[in-house]
């Protein structure tokens, strides 16, 4: 678990990311870059492939 941007985040697998897209707040850390997918009614059109494969994915926990 890490604390970034004022929230706690738990690391998850890429398979779990696919189940949570659009339903939970997600964050990907890839090197020094961050990519966020917020909870919304409409999932994003795409996720950068390099982030999906090489990044570390986290789900926001309360």
PDB file of N, CA and C in Angstrom:
ATOM      1  N   UNK A   1       0.849  -1.167   0.000  1.00  0.00           N
ATOM      2  CA  UNK A   1       0.000   0.000   0.000  1.00  0.00           C
ATOM      3  C   UNK A   1       0.899   1.236   0.000  1.00  0.00           C
ATOM      4  N   UNK A   2       0.516   2.238  -0.801  1.00  0.00           N
ATOM      5  CA  UNK A   2       1.274   3.482  -0.853  1.00  0.00           C
ATOM      6  C   UNK A   2       0.326   4.654  -0.626  1.00  0.00           C
ATOM      7  N   UNK A   3       0.887   5.792  -0.253  1.00  0.00           N
ATOM      8  CA  UNK A   3       0.115   7.011  -0.078  1.00  0.00           C
ATOM      9  C   UNK A   3       0.631   8.028  -1.090  1.00  0.00           C
ATOM     10  N   UNK A   4      -0.198   8.388  -2.048  1.00  0.00           N
ATOM     11  CA  UNK A   4       0.142   9.378  -3.073  1.00  0.00           C
ATOM     12  C   UNK A   4      -1.045  10.303  -3.277  1.00  0.00           C
ATOM     13  N   UNK A   5      -0.769  11.594  -3.459  1.00  0.00           N
ATOM     14  CA  UNK A   5      -1.787  12.584  -3.774  1.00  0.00           C
ATOM     15  C   UNK A   5      -2.898  12.634  -2.722  1.00  0.00           C
ATOM     16  N   UNK A   6      -2.557  12.340  -1.468  1.00  0.00           N
ATOM     17  CA  UNK A   6      -3.520  12.432  -0.378  1.00  0.00           C
ATOM     18  C   UNK A   6      -4.440  11.240  -0.218  1.00  0.00           C
ATOM     19  N   UNK A   7      -4.196  10.169  -0.945  1.00  0.00           N
ATOM     20  CA  UNK A   7      -5.025   8.970  -0.850  1.00  0.00           C
ATOM     21  C   UNK A   7      -4.157   7.745  -0.620  1.00  0.00           C
ATOM     22  N   UNK A   8      -4.763   6.694  -0.080  1.00  0.00           N
ATOM     23  CA  UNK A   8      -4.085   5.405   0.055  1.00  0.00           C
ATOM     24  C   UNK A   8      -4.433   4.558  -1.154  1.00  0.00           C
ATOM     25  N   UNK A   9      -3.421   3.851  -1.674  1.00  0.00           N
ATOM     26  CA  UNK A   9      -3.582   3.036  -2.875  1.00  0.00           C
ATOM     27  C   UNK A   9      -3.041   1.646  -2.618  1.00  0.00           C
ATOM     28  N   UNK A  10      -3.787   0.618  -3.045  1.00  0.00           N
ATOM     29  CA  UNK A  10      -3.362  -0.783  -2.925  1.00  0.00           C
ATOM     30  C   UNK A  10      -3.024  -1.294  -4.317  1.00  0.00           C
ATOM     31  N   UNK A  11      -1.880  -1.973  -4.445  1.00  0.00           N
ATOM     32  CA  UNK A  11      -1.456  -2.478  -5.752  1.00  0.00           C
ATOM     33  C   UNK A  11      -2.372  -3.612  -6.207  1.00  0.00           C
ATOM     34  N   UNK A  12      -2.683  -3.613  -7.507  1.00  0.00           N
ATOM     35  CA  UNK A  12      -3.549  -4.641  -8.088  1.00  0.00           C
ATOM     36  C   UNK A  12      -2.914  -5.171  -9.377  1.00  0.00           C
ATOM     37  N   UNK A  13      -3.434  -6.298  -9.859  1.00  0.00           N
ATOM     38  CA  UNK A  13      -2.925  -6.917 -11.089  1.00  0.00           C
ATOM     39  C   UNK A  13      -3.595  -6.297 -12.317  1.00  0.00           C
ATOM     40  N   UNK A  14      -2.986  -6.488 -13.475  1.00  0.00           N
ATOM     41  CA  UNK A  14      -3.548  -5.980 -14.729  1.00  0.00           C
ATOM     42  C   UNK A  14      -4.917  -6.610 -14.997  1.00  0.00           C
ATOM     43  N   UNK A  15      -5.077  -7.891 -14.699  1.00  0.00           N
ATOM     44  CA  UNK A  15      -6.386  -8.535 -14.888  1.00  0.00           C
ATOM     45  C   UNK A  15      -7.459  -7.849 -14.059  1.00  0.00           C
ATOM     46  N   UNK A  16      -7.110  -7.456 -12.841  1.00  0.00           N
ATOM     47  CA  UNK A  16      -8.061  -6.776 -11.967  1.00  0.00           C
ATOM     48  C   UNK A  16      -8.362  -5.371 -12.491  1.00  0.00           C
ATOM     49  N   UNK A  17      -7.382  -4.723 -13.117  1.00  0.00           N
ATOM     50  CA  UNK A  17      -7.599  -3.402 -13.717  1.00  0.00           C
ATOM     51  C   UNK A  17      -8.733  -3.488 -14.732  1.00  0.00           C
ATOM     52  N   UNK A  18      -8.716  -4.505 -15.566  1.00  0.00           N
ATOM     53  CA  UNK A  18      -9.740  -4.663 -16.601  1.00  0.00           C
ATOM     54  C   UNK A  18     -11.137  -4.774 -16.001  1.00  0.00           C
ATOM     55  N   UNK A  19     -11.260  -5.376 -14.821  1.00  0.00           N
ATOM     56  CA  UNK A  19     -12.562  -5.527 -14.160  1.00  0.00           C
ATOM     57  C   UNK A  19     -13.023  -4.230 -13.507  1.00  0.00           C
ATOM     58  N   UNK A  20     -12.072  -3.363 -13.130  1.00  0.00           N
ATOM     59  CA  UNK A  20     -12.387  -2.163 -12.353  1.00  0.00           C
ATOM     60  C   UNK A  20     -12.493  -0.886 -13.175  1.00  0.00           C
ATOM     61  N   UNK A  21     -12.063  -0.908 -14.425  1.00  0.00           N
ATOM     62  CA  UNK A  21     -12.044   0.304 -15.240  1.00  0.00           C
ATOM     63  C   UNK A  21     -13.428   0.924 -15.293  1.00  0.00           C
ATOM     64  N   UNK A  22     -13.525   2.193 -14.914  1.00  0.00           N
ATOM     65  CA  UNK A  22     -14.793   2.911 -14.910  1.00  0.00           C
ATOM     66  C   UNK A  22     -15.630   2.688 -13.667  1.00  0.00           C
ATOM     67  N   UNK A  23     -15.258   1.705 -12.830  1.00  0.00           N
ATOM     68  CA  UNK A  23     -16.039   1.394 -11.634  1.00  0.00           C
ATOM     69  C   UNK A  23     -15.333   1.815 -10.348  1.00  0.00           C
ATOM     70  N   UNK A  24     -14.019   1.945 -10.398  1.00  0.00           N
ATOM     71  CA  UNK A  24     -13.219   2.324  -9.234  1.00  0.00           C
ATOM     72  C   UNK A  24     -12.181   3.356  -9.665  1.00  0.00           C
ATOM     73  N   UNK A  25     -11.659   4.124  -8.697  1.00  0.00           N
ATOM     74  CA  UNK A  25     -10.577   5.052  -8.984  1.00  0.00           C
ATOM     75  C   UNK A  25      -9.276   4.271  -9.064  1.00  0.00           C
ATOM     76  N   UNK A  26      -8.576   4.393 -10.194  1.00  0.00           N
ATOM     77  CA  UNK A  26      -7.344   3.654 -10.432  1.00  0.00           C
ATOM     78  C   UNK A  26      -6.198   4.618 -10.707  1.00  0.00           C
ATOM     79  N   UNK A  27      -4.995   4.185 -10.377  1.00  0.00           N
ATOM     80  CA  UNK A  27      -3.794   4.959 -10.653  1.00  0.00           C
ATOM     81  C   UNK A  27      -2.727   4.004 -11.164  1.00  0.00           C
ATOM     82  N   UNK A  28      -1.997   4.449 -12.175  1.00  0.00           N
ATOM     83  CA  UNK A  28      -0.864   3.686 -12.681  1.00  0.00           C
ATOM     84  C   UNK A  28       0.388   4.518 -12.484  1.00  0.00           C
ATOM     85  N   UNK A  29       1.399   3.907 -11.930  1.00  0.00           N
ATOM     86  CA  UNK A  29       2.696   4.561 -11.763  1.00  0.00           C
ATOM     87  C   UNK A  29       3.666   3.875 -12.710  1.00  0.00           C
ATOM     88  N   UNK A  30       4.254   4.659 -13.608  1.00  0.00           N
ATOM     89  CA  UNK A  30       5.167   4.127 -14.617  1.00  0.00           C
ATOM     90  C   UNK A  30       6.384   5.037 -14.642  1.00  0.00           C
ATOM     91  N   UNK A  31       7.449   4.611 -13.987  1.00  0.00           N
ATOM     92  CA  UNK A  31       8.614   5.475 -13.836  1.00  0.00           C
ATOM     93  C   UNK A  31       8.242   6.658 -12.963  1.00  0.00           C
ATOM     94  N   UNK A  32       8.413   7.872 -13.509  1.00  0.00           N
ATOM     95  CA  UNK A  32       8.047   9.081 -12.764  1.00  0.00           C
ATOM     96  C   UNK A  32       6.688   9.624 -13.192  1.00  0.00           C
ATOM     97  N   UNK A  33       6.024   8.923 -14.106  1.00  0.00           N
ATOM     98  CA  UNK A  33       4.727   9.370 -14.612  1.00  0.00           C
ATOM     99  C   UNK A  33       3.587   8.671 -13.883  1.00  0.00           C
ATOM    100  N   UNK A  34       2.460   9.371 -13.794  1.00  0.00           N
ATOM    101  CA  UNK A  34       1.250   8.809 -13.208  1.00  0.00           C
ATOM    102  C   UNK A  34       0.122   8.931 -14.216  1.00  0.00           C
ATOM    103  N   UNK A  35      -0.755   7.952 -14.231  1.00  0.00           N
ATOM    104  CA  UNK A  35      -1.916   7.931 -15.108  1.00  0.00           C
ATOM    105  C   UNK A  35      -3.106   7.572 -14.233  1.00  0.00           C
ATOM    106  N   UNK A  36      -4.157   8.366 -14.292  1.00  0.00           N
ATOM    107  CA  UNK A  36      -5.326   8.130 -13.450  1.00  0.00           C
ATOM    108  C   UNK A  36      -6.539   7.782 -14.299  1.00  0.00           C
ATOM    109  N   UNK A  37      -7.348   6.882 -13.790  1.00  0.00           N
ATOM    110  CA  UNK A  37      -8.657   6.589 -14.372  1.00  0.00           C
ATOM    111  C   UNK A  37      -9.652   6.719 -13.229  1.00  0.00           C
ATOM    112  N   UNK A  38     -10.479   7.756 -13.305  1.00  0.00           N
ATOM    113  CA  UNK A  38     -11.435   7.994 -12.235  1.00  0.00           C
ATOM    114  C   UNK A  38     -12.694   7.164 -12.441  1.00  0.00           C
ATOM    115  N   UNK A  39     -13.408   6.972 -11.326  1.00  0.00           N
ATOM    116  CA  UNK A  39     -14.690   6.264 -11.377  1.00  0.00           C
ATOM    117  C   UNK A  39     -15.676   7.135 -12.158  1.00  0.00           C
ATOM    118  N   UNK A  40     -16.264   6.573 -13.192  1.00  0.00           N
ATOM    119  CA  UNK A  40     -17.222   7.307 -14.006  1.00  0.00           C
ATOM    120  C   UNK A  40     -18.235   6.321 -14.568  1.00  0.00           C
ATOM    121  N   UNK A  41     -19.258   6.859 -15.170  1.00  0.00           N
ATOM    122  CA  UNK A  41     -20.261   6.003 -15.803  1.00  0.00           C
ATOM    123  C   UNK A  41     -19.750   5.426 -17.120  1.00  0.00           C
ATOM    124  N   UNK A  42     -18.779   6.104 -17.735  1.00  0.00           N
ATOM    125  CA  UNK A  42     -18.263   5.684 -19.036  1.00  0.00           C
ATOM    126  C   UNK A  42     -16.772   5.371 -18.910  1.00  0.00           C
ATOM    127  N   UNK A  43     -16.370   4.123 -19.139  1.00  0.00           N
ATOM    128  CA  UNK A  43     -14.946   3.802 -19.084  1.00  0.00           C
ATOM    129  C   UNK A  43     -14.178   4.538 -20.184  1.00  0.00           C
ATOM    130  N   UNK A  44     -12.880   4.740 -20.006  1.00  0.00           N
ATOM    131  CA  UNK A  44     -12.100   5.443 -21.039  1.00  0.00           C
ATOM    132  C   UNK A  44     -12.061   4.649 -22.343  1.00  0.00           C
ATOM    133  N   UNK A  45     -11.826   5.368 -23.433  1.00  0.00           N
ATOM    134  CA  UNK A  45     -11.759   4.735 -24.757  1.00  0.00           C
ATOM    135  C   UNK A  45     -10.542   3.829 -24.889  1.00  0.00           C
ATOM    136  N   UNK A  46      -9.459   4.191 -24.221  1.00  0.00           N
ATOM    137  CA  UNK A  46      -8.240   3.391 -24.319  1.00  0.00           C
ATOM    138  C   UNK A  46      -7.380   3.602 -23.080  1.00  0.00           C
ATOM    139  N   UNK A  47      -6.461   2.696 -22.861  1.00  0.00           N
ATOM    140  CA  UNK A  47      -5.439   2.828 -21.828  1.00  0.00           C
ATOM    141  C   UNK A  47      -4.111   2.659 -22.544  1.00  0.00           C
ATOM    142  N   UNK A  48      -3.185   3.572 -22.309  1.00  0.00           N
ATOM    143  CA  UNK A  48      -1.886   3.458 -22.985  1.00  0.00           C
ATOM    144  C   UNK A  48      -1.298   2.075 -22.750  1.00  0.00           C
ATOM    145  N   UNK A  49      -0.929   1.413 -23.830  1.00  0.00           N
ATOM    146  CA  UNK A  49      -0.443   0.035 -23.768  1.00  0.00           C
ATOM    147  C   UNK A  49       0.808  -0.088 -22.904  1.00  0.00           C
ATOM    148  N   UNK A  50       1.746   0.869 -23.025  1.00  0.00           N
ATOM    149  CA  UNK A  50       2.969   0.786 -22.224  1.00  0.00           C
ATOM    150  C   UNK A  50       2.661   0.903 -20.734  1.00  0.00           C
ATOM    151  N   UNK A  51       1.677   1.717 -20.380  1.00  0.00           N
ATOM    152  CA  UNK A  51       1.277   1.819 -18.978  1.00  0.00           C
ATOM    153  C   UNK A  51       0.637   0.518 -18.517  1.00  0.00           C
ATOM    154  N   UNK A  52      -0.225  -0.042 -19.347  1.00  0.00           N
ATOM    155  CA  UNK A  52      -0.952  -1.253 -18.973  1.00  0.00           C
ATOM    156  C   UNK A  52       0.002  -2.413 -18.721  1.00  0.00           C
ATOM    157  N   UNK A  53       0.987  -2.572 -19.576  1.00  0.00           N
ATOM    158  CA  UNK A  53       1.899  -3.710 -19.477  1.00  0.00           C
ATOM    159  C   UNK A  53       3.034  -3.476 -18.482  1.00  0.00           C
ATOM    160  N   UNK A  54       3.624  -2.285 -18.496  1.00  0.00           N
ATOM    161  CA  UNK A  54       4.837  -2.038 -17.709  1.00  0.00           C
ATOM    162  C   UNK A  54       4.617  -1.290 -16.401  1.00  0.00           C
ATOM    163  N   UNK A  55       3.449  -0.688 -16.233  1.00  0.00           N
ATOM    164  CA  UNK A  55       3.208   0.113 -15.041  1.00  0.00           C
ATOM    165  C   UNK A  55       2.776  -0.718 -13.845  1.00  0.00           C
ATOM    166  N   UNK A  56       2.834  -0.081 -12.686  1.00  0.00           N
ATOM    167  CA  UNK A  56       2.295  -0.673 -11.453  1.00  0.00           C
ATOM    168  C   UNK A  56       0.928  -0.048 -11.224  1.00  0.00           C
ATOM    169  N   UNK A  57      -0.094  -0.874 -11.094  1.00  0.00           N
ATOM    170  CA  UNK A  57      -1.464  -0.394 -10.978  1.00  0.00           C
ATOM    171  C   UNK A  57      -1.946  -0.447  -9.537  1.00  0.00           C
ATOM    172  N   UNK A  58      -2.717   0.584  -9.164  1.00  0.00           N
ATOM    173  CA  UNK A  58      -3.222   0.710  -7.799  1.00  0.00           C
ATOM    174  C   UNK A  58      -4.694   1.081  -7.828  1.00  0.00           C
ATOM    175  N   UNK A  59      -5.417   0.638  -6.811  1.00  0.00           N
ATOM    176  CA  UNK A  59      -6.819   1.005  -6.629  1.00  0.00           C
ATOM    177  C   UNK A  59      -6.908   1.837  -5.355  1.00  0.00           C
ATOM    178  N   UNK A  60      -7.725   2.889  -5.398  1.00  0.00           N
ATOM    179  CA  UNK A  60      -7.846   3.765  -4.229  1.00  0.00           C
ATOM    180  C   UNK A  60      -8.647   3.066  -3.138  1.00  0.00           C
ATOM    181  N   UNK A  61      -8.135   3.120  -1.929  1.00  0.00           N
ATOM    182  CA  UNK A  61      -8.832   2.552  -0.776  1.00  0.00           C
ATOM    183  C   UNK A  61      -9.127   3.675   0.203  1.00  0.00           C
ATOM    184  N   UNK A  62     -10.198   3.522   0.956  1.00  0.00           N
ATOM    185  CA  UNK A  62     -10.591   4.558   1.927  1.00  0.00           C
ATOM    186  C   UNK A  62      -9.785   4.457   3.185  1.00  0.00           C
TER     187      UNK A  62
END
